[in-house]
């Protein structure tokens, strides 16, 4: 005869604990992946903003007499068109140190401002003779 009192299954409490651990793990994975996608979008926006700032900085350095200014451009550094998905507010300043030397500063802010932090680049400029 076999003894039927030896049940080798899971209890209800063990099943509930396993479900709670699984739910916690799945929620954590969901949070991490959502956070990773947000960081990726911010990183992409800052990379494009840096490229737009570098392009303007090189343009100013190539100019014979750079002057301060501002504009709003797309991700390629071109003026905004109707179908532009990315917009960047670009400001630049020129601070004279001496008659032949100036400090150039370019600040690019992604628009809307919530899509990323601003990028600030500085460089020197010397008059060519």
N, C-alpha and C. Protein backbone atom coordinates (compact mmCIF):
# COMPACT_ATOMS: atom_id res chain seq x y z
N UNK A 1 0.82 -1.17 0.00
CA UNK A 1 0.00 0.00 0.00
C UNK A 1 0.86 1.24 0.00
N UNK A 2 0.34 2.23 -0.63
CA UNK A 2 1.07 3.49 -0.70
C UNK A 2 0.45 4.49 0.26
N UNK A 3 1.32 5.32 0.78
CA UNK A 3 0.86 6.33 1.72
C UNK A 3 0.53 7.61 0.95
N UNK A 4 -0.72 8.01 0.96
CA UNK A 4 -1.15 9.18 0.19
C UNK A 4 -0.99 10.48 0.97
N UNK A 5 -0.43 10.45 2.15
CA UNK A 5 -0.28 11.67 2.95
C UNK A 5 0.98 12.46 2.56
N UNK A 6 1.84 11.89 1.73
CA UNK A 6 3.07 12.59 1.31
C UNK A 6 2.82 13.31 -0.01
N UNK A 7 2.38 14.57 0.07
CA UNK A 7 2.13 15.38 -1.13
C UNK A 7 3.42 16.12 -1.47
N UNK A 8 3.84 16.07 -2.70
CA UNK A 8 5.10 16.70 -3.08
C UNK A 8 4.85 17.88 -4.03
N UNK A 9 3.89 18.72 -3.77
CA UNK A 9 3.59 19.88 -4.61
C UNK A 9 3.94 21.17 -3.90
N UNK A 10 3.62 22.29 -4.53
CA UNK A 10 3.85 23.60 -3.94
C UNK A 10 2.65 24.02 -3.12
N UNK A 11 2.91 24.74 -2.05
CA UNK A 11 1.81 25.27 -1.27
C UNK A 11 1.36 26.60 -1.88
N UNK A 12 0.21 27.07 -1.46
CA UNK A 12 -0.31 28.33 -1.96
C UNK A 12 0.62 29.49 -1.58
N UNK A 13 1.17 29.47 -0.40
CA UNK A 13 2.08 30.51 0.06
C UNK A 13 3.35 30.56 -0.80
N UNK A 14 3.91 29.40 -1.11
CA UNK A 14 5.10 29.35 -1.97
C UNK A 14 4.80 29.89 -3.37
N UNK A 15 3.64 29.59 -3.89
CA UNK A 15 3.25 30.09 -5.21
C UNK A 15 3.08 31.60 -5.19
N UNK A 16 2.48 32.15 -4.15
CA UNK A 16 2.31 33.60 -4.04
C UNK A 16 3.65 34.32 -3.92
N UNK A 17 4.57 33.76 -3.16
CA UNK A 17 5.90 34.36 -3.03
C UNK A 17 6.64 34.33 -4.37
N UNK A 18 6.53 33.23 -5.10
CA UNK A 18 7.17 33.13 -6.41
C UNK A 18 6.58 34.16 -7.39
N UNK A 19 5.27 34.34 -7.35
CA UNK A 19 4.62 35.34 -8.21
C UNK A 19 5.07 36.75 -7.84
N UNK A 20 5.22 37.03 -6.56
CA UNK A 20 5.66 38.36 -6.11
C UNK A 20 7.09 38.63 -6.56
N UNK A 21 7.96 37.65 -6.46
CA UNK A 21 9.36 37.82 -6.90
C UNK A 21 9.40 38.03 -8.41
N UNK A 22 8.62 37.27 -9.16
CA UNK A 22 8.57 37.42 -10.61
C UNK A 22 8.03 38.79 -11.02
N UNK A 23 6.98 39.24 -10.34
CA UNK A 23 6.41 40.55 -10.66
C UNK A 23 7.41 41.67 -10.37
N UNK A 24 8.13 41.57 -9.27
CA UNK A 24 9.15 42.57 -8.93
C UNK A 24 10.25 42.60 -9.98
N UNK A 25 10.69 41.43 -10.41
CA UNK A 25 11.74 41.36 -11.44
C UNK A 25 11.26 41.96 -12.75
N UNK A 26 10.04 41.66 -13.17
CA UNK A 26 9.52 42.20 -14.42
C UNK A 26 9.33 43.71 -14.36
N UNK A 27 8.86 44.23 -13.24
CA UNK A 27 8.72 45.67 -13.08
C UNK A 27 10.08 46.37 -13.12
N UNK A 28 11.08 45.76 -12.50
CA UNK A 28 12.43 46.33 -12.52
C UNK A 28 12.99 46.37 -13.93
N UNK A 29 12.81 45.31 -14.67
CA UNK A 29 13.28 45.26 -16.06
C UNK A 29 12.56 46.31 -16.90
N UNK A 30 11.28 46.47 -16.70
CA UNK A 30 10.52 47.49 -17.43
C UNK A 30 10.99 48.89 -17.11
N UNK A 31 11.24 49.17 -15.84
CA UNK A 31 11.74 50.48 -15.45
C UNK A 31 13.12 50.75 -16.05
N UNK A 32 14.01 49.77 -15.98
CA UNK A 32 15.36 49.95 -16.52
C UNK A 32 15.34 50.17 -18.02
N UNK A 33 14.52 49.44 -18.74
CA UNK A 33 14.49 49.60 -20.19
C UNK A 33 13.88 50.95 -20.57
N UNK A 34 12.86 51.39 -19.87
CA UNK A 34 12.28 52.71 -20.13
C UNK A 34 13.30 53.81 -19.85
N UNK A 35 14.01 53.69 -18.75
CA UNK A 35 15.04 54.66 -18.40
C UNK A 35 16.17 54.64 -19.43
N UNK A 36 16.53 53.48 -19.92
CA UNK A 36 17.59 53.38 -20.93
C UNK A 36 17.18 54.07 -22.23
N UNK A 37 15.93 53.92 -22.64
CA UNK A 37 15.46 54.57 -23.86
C UNK A 37 15.47 56.10 -23.69
N UNK A 38 15.10 56.59 -22.52
CA UNK A 38 15.13 58.03 -22.28
C UNK A 38 16.56 58.56 -22.32
N UNK A 39 17.49 57.83 -21.71
CA UNK A 39 18.90 58.24 -21.74
C UNK A 39 19.47 58.20 -23.16
N UNK A 40 19.05 57.23 -23.92
CA UNK A 40 19.51 57.12 -25.31
C UNK A 40 19.04 58.32 -26.13
N UNK A 41 17.79 58.73 -25.95
CA UNK A 41 17.26 59.89 -26.67
C UNK A 41 18.00 61.16 -26.26
N UNK A 42 18.28 61.31 -24.97
CA UNK A 42 19.02 62.48 -24.50
C UNK A 42 20.44 62.47 -25.05
N UNK A 43 21.06 61.32 -25.07
CA UNK A 43 22.42 61.19 -25.61
C UNK A 43 22.47 61.55 -27.09
N UNK A 44 21.50 61.06 -27.84
CA UNK A 44 21.44 61.36 -29.26
C UNK A 44 21.26 62.87 -29.48
N UNK A 45 20.40 63.49 -28.68
CA UNK A 45 20.17 64.93 -28.80
C UNK A 45 21.43 65.72 -28.47
N UNK A 46 22.17 65.32 -27.45
CA UNK A 46 23.41 66.03 -27.08
C UNK A 46 24.49 65.83 -28.13
N UNK A 47 24.55 64.66 -28.74
CA UNK A 47 25.53 64.42 -29.80
C UNK A 47 25.26 65.33 -31.00
N UNK A 48 24.01 65.41 -31.41
CA UNK A 48 23.66 66.27 -32.54
C UNK A 48 23.91 67.73 -32.17
N UNK A 49 23.58 68.13 -30.95
CA UNK A 49 23.82 69.51 -30.50
C UNK A 49 25.32 69.82 -30.52
N UNK A 50 26.15 68.87 -30.13
CA UNK A 50 27.59 69.07 -30.16
C UNK A 50 28.09 69.25 -31.59
N UNK A 51 27.57 68.45 -32.51
CA UNK A 51 27.97 68.58 -33.92
C UNK A 51 27.54 69.93 -34.50
N UNK A 52 26.34 70.38 -34.15
CA UNK A 52 25.86 71.68 -34.62
C UNK A 52 26.72 72.80 -34.04
N UNK A 53 27.11 72.68 -32.76
CA UNK A 53 27.97 73.69 -32.13
C UNK A 53 29.36 73.70 -32.77
N UNK A 54 29.92 72.52 -33.05
CA UNK A 54 31.24 72.45 -33.68
C UNK A 54 31.22 73.06 -35.07
N UNK A 55 30.14 72.83 -35.82
CA UNK A 55 30.04 73.41 -37.16
C UNK A 55 30.02 74.94 -37.08
N UNK A 56 29.28 75.50 -36.14
CA UNK A 56 29.22 76.96 -36.00
C UNK A 56 30.56 77.50 -35.53
N UNK A 57 31.22 76.79 -34.63
CA UNK A 57 32.53 77.23 -34.14
C UNK A 57 33.54 77.28 -35.28
N UNK A 58 33.54 76.27 -36.13
CA UNK A 58 34.45 76.28 -37.28
C UNK A 58 34.10 77.38 -38.27
N UNK A 59 32.81 77.64 -38.43
CA UNK A 59 32.38 78.74 -39.31
C UNK A 59 32.87 80.08 -38.77
N UNK A 60 32.78 80.28 -37.45
CA UNK A 60 33.25 81.52 -36.85
C UNK A 60 34.77 81.66 -36.95
N UNK A 61 35.48 80.56 -36.76
CA UNK A 61 36.94 80.60 -36.84
C UNK A 61 37.42 80.89 -38.25
N UNK A 62 36.65 80.51 -39.26
CA UNK A 62 37.02 80.77 -40.65
C UNK A 62 36.69 82.19 -41.08
N UNK A 63 35.86 82.88 -40.30
CA UNK A 63 35.45 84.24 -40.64
C UNK A 63 36.58 85.22 -40.33
N UNK A 64 36.68 86.27 -41.12
CA UNK A 64 37.75 87.27 -40.90
C UNK A 64 37.42 88.19 -39.73
N UNK A 65 36.14 88.38 -39.43
CA UNK A 65 35.73 89.21 -38.31
C UNK A 65 34.45 88.63 -37.70
N UNK A 66 34.57 87.61 -36.86
CA UNK A 66 33.37 86.98 -36.30
C UNK A 66 32.60 87.94 -35.40
N UNK A 67 31.27 87.81 -35.42
CA UNK A 67 30.41 88.65 -34.60
C UNK A 67 29.41 87.77 -33.86
N UNK A 68 28.92 88.26 -32.74
CA UNK A 68 27.95 87.52 -31.94
C UNK A 68 26.62 87.42 -32.67
N UNK A 69 25.83 86.40 -32.32
CA UNK A 69 24.53 86.24 -32.95
C UNK A 69 23.76 85.07 -32.39
N UNK A 70 22.62 84.79 -33.01
CA UNK A 70 21.77 83.68 -32.59
C UNK A 70 20.95 83.21 -33.78
N UNK A 71 20.57 81.93 -33.77
CA UNK A 71 19.67 81.39 -34.78
C UNK A 71 19.05 80.09 -34.27
N UNK A 72 18.07 79.59 -35.00
CA UNK A 72 17.44 78.31 -34.68
C UNK A 72 17.63 77.43 -35.91
N UNK A 73 18.25 76.25 -35.69
CA UNK A 73 18.60 75.37 -36.81
C UNK A 73 18.07 73.96 -36.55
N UNK A 74 18.12 73.14 -37.60
CA UNK A 74 17.74 71.73 -37.45
C UNK A 74 18.98 70.91 -37.12
N UNK A 75 18.86 69.60 -37.14
CA UNK A 75 19.96 68.71 -36.78
C UNK A 75 21.14 68.75 -37.71
N UNK A 76 20.99 69.35 -38.89
CA UNK A 76 22.08 69.46 -39.85
C UNK A 76 22.72 70.85 -39.83
N UNK A 77 22.22 71.73 -38.97
CA UNK A 77 22.75 73.08 -38.91
C UNK A 77 22.13 74.01 -39.93
N UNK A 78 21.09 73.57 -40.59
CA UNK A 78 20.39 74.38 -41.59
C UNK A 78 19.23 75.12 -40.93
N UNK A 79 18.82 76.25 -41.52
CA UNK A 79 17.65 76.97 -40.96
C UNK A 79 16.42 76.05 -40.90
N UNK A 80 15.57 76.31 -39.95
CA UNK A 80 14.39 75.46 -39.71
C UNK A 80 13.45 75.49 -40.90
N UNK A 81 13.02 74.29 -41.30
CA UNK A 81 12.00 74.13 -42.33
C UNK A 81 10.72 73.64 -41.64
N UNK A 82 9.63 73.61 -42.37
CA UNK A 82 8.35 73.18 -41.77
C UNK A 82 8.37 71.75 -41.28
N UNK A 83 9.07 70.86 -41.99
CA UNK A 83 9.05 69.44 -41.63
C UNK A 83 10.23 69.05 -40.74
N UNK A 84 10.91 69.99 -40.13
CA UNK A 84 12.05 69.69 -39.26
C UNK A 84 11.55 69.05 -37.97
N UNK A 85 12.14 67.92 -37.63
CA UNK A 85 11.75 67.25 -36.39
C UNK A 85 12.61 67.66 -35.22
N UNK A 86 13.85 68.05 -35.48
CA UNK A 86 14.74 68.48 -34.41
C UNK A 86 15.04 69.96 -34.57
N UNK A 87 14.99 70.65 -33.45
CA UNK A 87 15.28 72.08 -33.45
C UNK A 87 16.30 72.37 -32.38
N UNK A 88 17.23 73.26 -32.71
CA UNK A 88 18.27 73.64 -31.78
C UNK A 88 18.42 75.16 -31.77
N UNK A 89 18.38 75.74 -30.59
CA UNK A 89 18.61 77.17 -30.41
C UNK A 89 20.12 77.34 -30.29
N UNK A 90 20.71 78.12 -31.18
CA UNK A 90 22.16 78.28 -31.22
C UNK A 90 22.51 79.74 -30.97
N UNK A 91 23.33 80.00 -29.95
CA UNK A 91 23.79 81.35 -29.62
C UNK A 91 25.31 81.35 -29.60
N UNK A 92 25.90 82.42 -30.07
CA UNK A 92 27.35 82.50 -30.02
C UNK A 92 27.76 83.90 -29.64
N UNK A 93 28.91 84.00 -28.98
CA UNK A 93 29.44 85.29 -28.55
C UNK A 93 30.92 85.37 -28.89
N UNK A 94 31.39 86.59 -29.03
CA UNK A 94 32.78 86.86 -29.35
C UNK A 94 33.29 87.86 -28.31
N UNK A 95 34.29 87.45 -27.53
CA UNK A 95 34.83 88.31 -26.48
C UNK A 95 36.28 88.65 -26.85
N UNK A 96 36.57 89.94 -27.09
CA UNK A 96 37.94 90.31 -27.45
C UNK A 96 38.87 90.25 -26.23
N UNK A 97 40.04 89.66 -26.44
CA UNK A 97 41.07 89.62 -25.41
C UNK A 97 42.12 90.69 -25.72
N UNK A 98 42.44 90.81 -26.98
CA UNK A 98 43.35 91.84 -27.48
C UNK A 98 42.88 92.18 -28.89
N UNK A 99 43.52 93.13 -29.59
CA UNK A 99 43.06 93.46 -30.94
C UNK A 99 43.10 92.28 -31.91
N UNK A 100 43.98 91.33 -31.67
CA UNK A 100 44.12 90.20 -32.60
C UNK A 100 43.60 88.87 -32.07
N UNK A 101 43.20 88.82 -30.81
CA UNK A 101 42.79 87.56 -30.19
C UNK A 101 41.40 87.71 -29.58
N UNK A 102 40.54 86.70 -29.83
CA UNK A 102 39.19 86.71 -29.28
C UNK A 102 38.84 85.31 -28.79
N UNK A 103 37.90 85.25 -27.86
CA UNK A 103 37.37 83.98 -27.38
C UNK A 103 35.98 83.80 -27.99
N UNK A 104 35.78 82.68 -28.65
CA UNK A 104 34.49 82.36 -29.26
C UNK A 104 33.78 81.35 -28.38
N UNK A 105 32.51 81.59 -28.09
CA UNK A 105 31.69 80.67 -27.31
C UNK A 105 30.42 80.37 -28.08
N UNK A 106 30.12 79.08 -28.26
CA UNK A 106 28.90 78.66 -28.93
C UNK A 106 28.09 77.83 -27.94
N UNK A 107 26.82 78.19 -27.75
CA UNK A 107 25.91 77.46 -26.85
C UNK A 107 24.75 76.96 -27.69
N UNK A 108 24.51 75.64 -27.65
CA UNK A 108 23.40 75.03 -28.40
C UNK A 108 22.47 74.37 -27.40
N UNK A 109 21.19 74.72 -27.48
CA UNK A 109 20.17 74.14 -26.60
C UNK A 109 19.14 73.41 -27.44
N UNK A 110 18.92 72.11 -27.18
CA UNK A 110 17.86 71.39 -27.91
C UNK A 110 16.49 71.95 -27.55
N UNK A 111 15.61 72.03 -28.52
CA UNK A 111 14.25 72.50 -28.29
C UNK A 111 13.28 71.36 -28.53
N UNK A 112 12.32 71.12 -27.71
CA UNK A 112 12.08 71.78 -26.43
C UNK A 112 13.19 71.46 -25.45
N UNK A 113 13.37 72.32 -24.48
CA UNK A 113 14.50 72.19 -23.55
C UNK A 113 14.47 70.88 -22.77
N UNK A 114 13.33 70.24 -22.67
CA UNK A 114 13.24 68.98 -21.93
C UNK A 114 13.90 67.83 -22.67
N UNK A 115 14.23 68.01 -23.96
CA UNK A 115 14.80 66.90 -24.73
C UNK A 115 16.30 66.75 -24.54
N UNK A 116 16.93 67.61 -23.78
CA UNK A 116 18.35 67.47 -23.53
C UNK A 116 18.94 68.72 -22.93
N UNK A 117 20.16 68.59 -22.44
CA UNK A 117 20.82 69.74 -21.84
C UNK A 117 21.62 70.50 -22.89
N UNK A 118 21.95 71.73 -22.56
CA UNK A 118 22.67 72.54 -23.52
C UNK A 118 24.12 72.09 -23.63
N UNK A 119 24.71 72.42 -24.77
CA UNK A 119 26.11 72.12 -25.06
C UNK A 119 26.82 73.45 -25.23
N UNK A 120 27.98 73.61 -24.57
CA UNK A 120 28.73 74.85 -24.63
C UNK A 120 30.16 74.54 -25.07
N UNK A 121 30.61 75.19 -26.16
CA UNK A 121 31.97 75.03 -26.66
C UNK A 121 32.66 76.38 -26.69
N UNK A 122 33.95 76.37 -26.34
CA UNK A 122 34.75 77.60 -26.37
C UNK A 122 36.02 77.34 -27.16
N UNK A 123 36.47 78.39 -27.85
CA UNK A 123 37.70 78.28 -28.62
C UNK A 123 38.30 79.67 -28.77
N UNK A 124 39.57 79.70 -29.10
CA UNK A 124 40.24 80.96 -29.36
C UNK A 124 40.20 81.29 -30.85
N UNK A 125 40.35 82.57 -31.15
CA UNK A 125 40.38 83.03 -32.53
C UNK A 125 41.49 84.06 -32.63
N UNK A 126 42.34 83.91 -33.63
CA UNK A 126 43.44 84.84 -33.86
C UNK A 126 43.32 85.39 -35.27
N UNK A 127 43.47 86.71 -35.38
CA UNK A 127 43.40 87.34 -36.71
C UNK A 127 44.58 86.88 -37.55
N UNK A 128 44.27 86.49 -38.78
CA UNK A 128 45.31 86.06 -39.73
C UNK A 128 45.87 87.27 -40.44
N UNK A 129 47.16 87.27 -40.59
CA UNK A 129 47.78 88.40 -41.28
C UNK A 129 48.45 87.93 -42.53
